[in-house]
Amino acid sequence: MSDTPQAVDINCTTGEVITRDLTAEEIAAQQAAAAQAEADRQAREAEAAKVAADKASAEAKLAAIGLTADEIAALSK
């Protein structure tokens, strides 16, 4: 068995199944897609962390001016 990633091509008309090694271009495309997916995941996580930090900061500022936890919670509903 080859260490090269494999592709499976299936002819739906005949039912013929062909397993072949991926081409260098297909491997590069897979790697690029995986790298982009990881970058997108990291960007989503960074945005979520920023939103959480901004919310905590806003809540702390509201508490500092005298709002209760219930009042602060009511503002986000």
Protein backbone atom coordinates (compact mmCIF):
# COMPACT_ATOMS: atom_id res chain seq x y z
CA MET A 1 0.00 0.00 0.00
CA SER A 2 1.25 3.45 -0.89
CA ASP A 3 1.99 6.22 1.62
CA THR A 4 0.59 8.68 -0.91
CA PRO A 5 -2.96 9.85 -0.17
CA GLN A 6 -5.51 8.03 -2.28
CA ALA A 7 -8.54 9.11 -4.28
CA VAL A 8 -11.46 6.85 -5.03
CA ASP A 9 -13.25 7.46 -8.31
CA ILE A 10 -16.60 5.72 -8.72
CA ASN A 11 -18.41 5.46 -12.03
CA CYS A 12 -22.06 5.51 -10.99
CA THR A 13 -23.20 4.13 -14.33
CA THR A 14 -20.99 1.05 -14.39
CA GLY A 15 -20.22 0.73 -10.69
CA GLU A 16 -16.50 0.63 -11.49
CA VAL A 17 -14.34 1.74 -8.55
CA ILE A 18 -10.85 3.06 -9.25
CA THR A 19 -8.42 3.83 -6.44
CA ARG A 20 -5.49 6.02 -7.43
CA ASP A 21 -2.76 8.12 -5.87
CA LEU A 22 -3.53 11.81 -5.59
CA THR A 23 -1.54 14.06 -7.88
CA ALA A 24 0.90 16.60 -6.46
CA GLU A 25 -1.61 19.33 -7.34
CA GLU A 26 -4.42 17.54 -5.50
CA ILE A 27 -2.22 17.05 -2.44
CA ALA A 28 -1.22 20.72 -2.50
CA ALA A 29 -4.87 21.75 -2.82
CA GLN A 30 -5.80 19.55 0.16
CA GLN A 31 -2.99 21.02 2.25
CA ALA A 32 -3.96 24.58 1.28
CA ALA A 33 -7.60 23.90 2.17
CA ALA A 34 -6.57 22.42 5.53
CA ALA A 35 -4.34 25.42 6.26
CA GLN A 36 -7.15 27.83 5.36
CA ALA A 37 -9.61 25.92 7.55
CA GLU A 38 -7.19 26.14 10.48
CA ALA A 39 -6.65 29.88 9.91
CA ASP A 40 -10.42 30.40 9.77
CA ARG A 41 -10.89 28.43 13.01
CA GLN A 42 -8.23 30.49 14.75
CA ALA A 43 -9.81 33.73 13.51
CA ARG A 44 -13.24 32.64 14.83
CA GLU A 45 -11.72 31.75 18.20
CA ALA A 46 -9.87 35.08 18.39
CA GLU A 47 -13.07 36.97 17.56
CA ALA A 48 -15.02 35.04 20.19
CA ALA A 49 -12.31 35.77 22.78
CA LYS A 50 -12.38 39.47 21.88
CA VAL A 51 -16.16 39.61 22.21
CA ALA A 52 -15.97 37.87 25.60
CA ALA A 53 -13.25 40.26 26.80
CA ASP A 54 -15.20 43.29 25.56
CA LYS A 55 -18.33 42.05 27.34
CA ALA A 56 -16.47 41.46 30.59
CA SER A 57 -14.91 44.93 30.33
CA ALA A 58 -18.28 46.55 29.73
CA GLU A 59 -19.85 44.67 32.64
CA ALA A 60 -17.01 45.72 34.94
CA LYS A 61 -17.46 49.35 33.93
CA LEU A 62 -21.20 49.16 34.53
CA ALA A 63 -20.61 47.58 37.94
CA ALA A 64 -18.09 50.35 38.72
CA ILE A 65 -20.77 53.00 38.21
CA GLY A 66 -23.13 51.20 40.54
CA LEU A 67 -25.29 48.84 38.48
CA THR A 68 -26.15 45.53 40.11
CA ALA A 69 -25.46 42.18 38.47
CA ASP A 70 -29.21 41.80 37.76
CA GLU A 71 -29.34 45.23 36.12
CA ILE A 72 -26.33 44.44 33.99
CA ALA A 73 -27.82 41.08 32.96
CA ALA A 74 -31.09 42.81 32.06
CA LEU A 75 -29.25 45.04 29.59
CA SER A 76 -28.14 42.08 27.51
CA LYS A 77 -31.58 40.53 27.16
